[in-house]
Amino acid sequence: MEFITGFAIWIAVGLVAAFVARAGYRAPATAAPLTFAFGIFGAFIGGMLGTSPYIFHDPVPLRIGSLIGAVAGAFFFTLLYHFAAKRVV
């Protein structure tokens, strides 16, 4: 049950990060569904990287490292998408 809760929190973090990034830094060619997809993708990648140091002890997605990684990954991928879209157009 902890894994489902952890993944749900990662999805929520990705959605919130995408919403904040879209409100604060919007490029003309960006689409809302892609912004939210990149936010969720970044949260999963960052969360997994944050969980990896605990892989031999207790790899639970609710650890502080995985939550910090999810936030950082979501913001990174969302802002990277908006930055790249701004440069292309």
C-alpha atoms as a PDB file:
ATOM      1  CA  MET A   1       0.000   0.000   0.000  1.00  0.00           C
ATOM      2  CA  GLU A   2       2.936   2.330   0.633  1.00  0.00           C
ATOM      3  CA  PHE A   3       4.010   2.019  -2.995  1.00  0.00           C
ATOM      4  CA  ILE A   4       0.602   3.037  -4.334  1.00  0.00           C
ATOM      5  CA  THR A   5       0.466   6.011  -1.974  1.00  0.00           C
ATOM      6  CA  GLY A   6       4.006   7.017  -2.897  1.00  0.00           C
ATOM      7  CA  PHE A   7       3.322   6.846  -6.620  1.00  0.00           C
ATOM      8  CA  ALA A   8       0.096   8.831  -6.167  1.00  0.00           C
ATOM      9  CA  ILE A   9       2.073  11.506  -4.319  1.00  0.00           C
ATOM     10  CA  TRP A  10       4.641  11.550  -7.134  1.00  0.00           C
ATOM     11  CA  ILE A  11       1.832  12.086  -9.670  1.00  0.00           C
ATOM     12  CA  ALA A  12       0.402  14.914  -7.562  1.00  0.00           C
ATOM     13  CA  VAL A  13       3.845  16.504  -7.242  1.00  0.00           C
ATOM     14  CA  GLY A  14       4.295  16.278 -11.013  1.00  0.00           C
ATOM     15  CA  LEU A  15       0.933  17.898 -11.684  1.00  0.00           C
ATOM     16  CA  VAL A  16       1.553  20.725  -9.218  1.00  0.00           C
ATOM     17  CA  ALA A  17       5.041  21.348 -10.594  1.00  0.00           C
ATOM     18  CA  ALA A  18       3.696  21.423 -14.148  1.00  0.00           C
ATOM     19  CA  PHE A  19       0.943  23.846 -13.146  1.00  0.00           C
ATOM     20  CA  VAL A  20       3.419  26.165 -11.390  1.00  0.00           C
ATOM     21  CA  ALA A  21       5.901  25.998 -14.267  1.00  0.00           C
ATOM     22  CA  ARG A  22       3.162  26.664 -16.818  1.00  0.00           C
ATOM     23  CA  ALA A  23       1.867  29.652 -14.843  1.00  0.00           C
ATOM     24  CA  GLY A  24       5.306  31.130 -14.271  1.00  0.00           C
ATOM     25  CA  TYR A  25       7.145  30.397 -17.509  1.00  0.00           C
ATOM     26  CA  ARG A  26       4.920  29.901 -20.520  1.00  0.00           C
ATOM     27  CA  ALA A  27       6.277  29.578 -24.035  1.00  0.00           C
ATOM     28  CA  PRO A  28       3.983  30.216 -27.018  1.00  0.00           C
ATOM     29  CA  ALA A  29       4.288  26.754 -28.559  1.00  0.00           C
ATOM     30  CA  THR A  30       3.705  24.692 -25.414  1.00  0.00           C
ATOM     31  CA  ALA A  31       0.656  22.507 -24.978  1.00  0.00           C
ATOM     32  CA  ALA A  32      -0.949  21.929 -21.589  1.00  0.00           C
ATOM     33  CA  PRO A  33      -1.190  18.119 -21.914  1.00  0.00           C
ATOM     34  CA  LEU A  34       2.514  17.882 -22.775  1.00  0.00           C
ATOM     35  CA  THR A  35       3.412  20.123 -19.860  1.00  0.00           C
ATOM     36  CA  PHE A  36       1.558  17.889 -17.424  1.00  0.00           C
ATOM     37  CA  ALA A  37       2.965  14.730 -19.048  1.00  0.00           C
ATOM     38  CA  PHE A  38       6.510  16.044 -18.651  1.00  0.00           C
ATOM     39  CA  GLY A  39       5.756  16.992 -15.037  1.00  0.00           C
ATOM     40  CA  ILE A  40       4.570  13.485 -14.201  1.00  0.00           C
ATOM     41  CA  PHE A  41       7.440  11.898 -16.139  1.00  0.00           C
ATOM     42  CA  GLY A  42       9.969  14.085 -14.321  1.00  0.00           C
ATOM     43  CA  ALA A  43       8.433  13.260 -10.951  1.00  0.00           C
ATOM     44  CA  PHE A  44       8.748   9.532 -11.641  1.00  0.00           C
ATOM     45  CA  ILE A  45      12.343   9.790 -12.856  1.00  0.00           C
ATOM     46  CA  GLY A  46      13.376  12.053  -9.985  1.00  0.00           C
ATOM     47  CA  GLY A  47      11.523   9.927  -7.454  1.00  0.00           C
ATOM     48  CA  MET A  48      13.204   6.757  -8.663  1.00  0.00           C
ATOM     49  CA  LEU A  49      16.611   8.398  -8.580  1.00  0.00           C
ATOM     50  CA  GLY A  50      15.890   9.665  -5.074  1.00  0.00           C
ATOM     51  CA  THR A  51      14.849   6.177  -3.965  1.00  0.00           C
ATOM     52  CA  SER A  52      17.900   4.439  -5.434  1.00  0.00           C
ATOM     53  CA  PRO A  53      20.221   5.050  -2.430  1.00  0.00           C
ATOM     54  CA  TYR A  54      17.754   3.094  -0.261  1.00  0.00           C
ATOM     55  CA  ILE A  55      17.400   0.147  -2.613  1.00  0.00           C
ATOM     56  CA  PHE A  56      19.140  -2.288  -0.242  1.00  0.00           C
ATOM     57  CA  HIS A  57      17.436  -1.065   2.911  1.00  0.00           C
ATOM     58  CA  ASP A  58      13.813  -0.131   2.305  1.00  0.00           C
ATOM     59  CA  PRO A  59      12.909   1.218  -1.153  1.00  0.00           C
ATOM     60  CA  VAL A  60       9.688   3.009  -0.233  1.00  0.00           C
ATOM     61  CA  PRO A  61       8.573   5.930  -2.439  1.00  0.00           C
ATOM     62  CA  LEU A  62       7.602   7.958   0.637  1.00  0.00           C
ATOM     63  CA  ARG A  63      11.162   8.576   1.802  1.00  0.00           C
ATOM     64  CA  ILE A  64      12.338  12.174   1.912  1.00  0.00           C
ATOM     65  CA  GLY A  65      14.973  11.567  -0.770  1.00  0.00           C
ATOM     66  CA  SER A  66      12.428  10.268  -3.240  1.00  0.00           C
ATOM     67  CA  LEU A  67      10.059  13.154  -2.565  1.00  0.00           C
ATOM     68  CA  ILE A  68      12.830  15.709  -3.066  1.00  0.00           C
ATOM     69  CA  GLY A  69      13.871  13.886  -6.232  1.00  0.00           C
ATOM     70  CA  ALA A  70      10.274  13.905  -7.502  1.00  0.00           C
ATOM     71  CA  VAL A  71       9.965  17.655  -6.973  1.00  0.00           C
ATOM     72  CA  ALA A  72      13.338  18.379  -8.585  1.00  0.00           C
ATOM     73  CA  GLY A  73      12.693  16.045 -11.525  1.00  0.00           C
ATOM     74  CA  ALA A  74       9.226  17.435 -12.199  1.00  0.00           C
ATOM     75  CA  PHE A  75      10.438  21.022 -12.220  1.00  0.00           C
ATOM     76  CA  PHE A  76      13.509  20.153 -14.279  1.00  0.00           C
ATOM     77  CA  PHE A  77      11.690  18.309 -17.058  1.00  0.00           C
ATOM     78  CA  THR A  78       8.808  20.787 -17.213  1.00  0.00           C
ATOM     79  CA  LEU A  79      11.061  23.830 -17.363  1.00  0.00           C
ATOM     80  CA  LEU A  80      13.322  22.080 -19.873  1.00  0.00           C
ATOM     81  CA  TYR A  81      10.308  21.477 -22.120  1.00  0.00           C
ATOM     82  CA  HIS A  82       9.183  25.107 -21.857  1.00  0.00           C
ATOM     83  CA  PHE A  83      12.705  26.407 -22.428  1.00  0.00           C
ATOM     84  CA  ALA A  84      13.175  24.208 -25.500  1.00  0.00           C
ATOM     85  CA  ALA A  85       9.770  25.188 -26.896  1.00  0.00           C
ATOM     86  CA  LYS A  86      10.572  28.862 -26.430  1.00  0.00           C
ATOM     87  CA  ARG A  87      13.849  28.489 -28.341  1.00  0.00           C
ATOM     88  CA  VAL A  88      12.269  26.561 -31.220  1.00  0.00           C
ATOM     89  CA  VAL A  89       9.578  29.116 -31.994  1.00  0.00           C
END
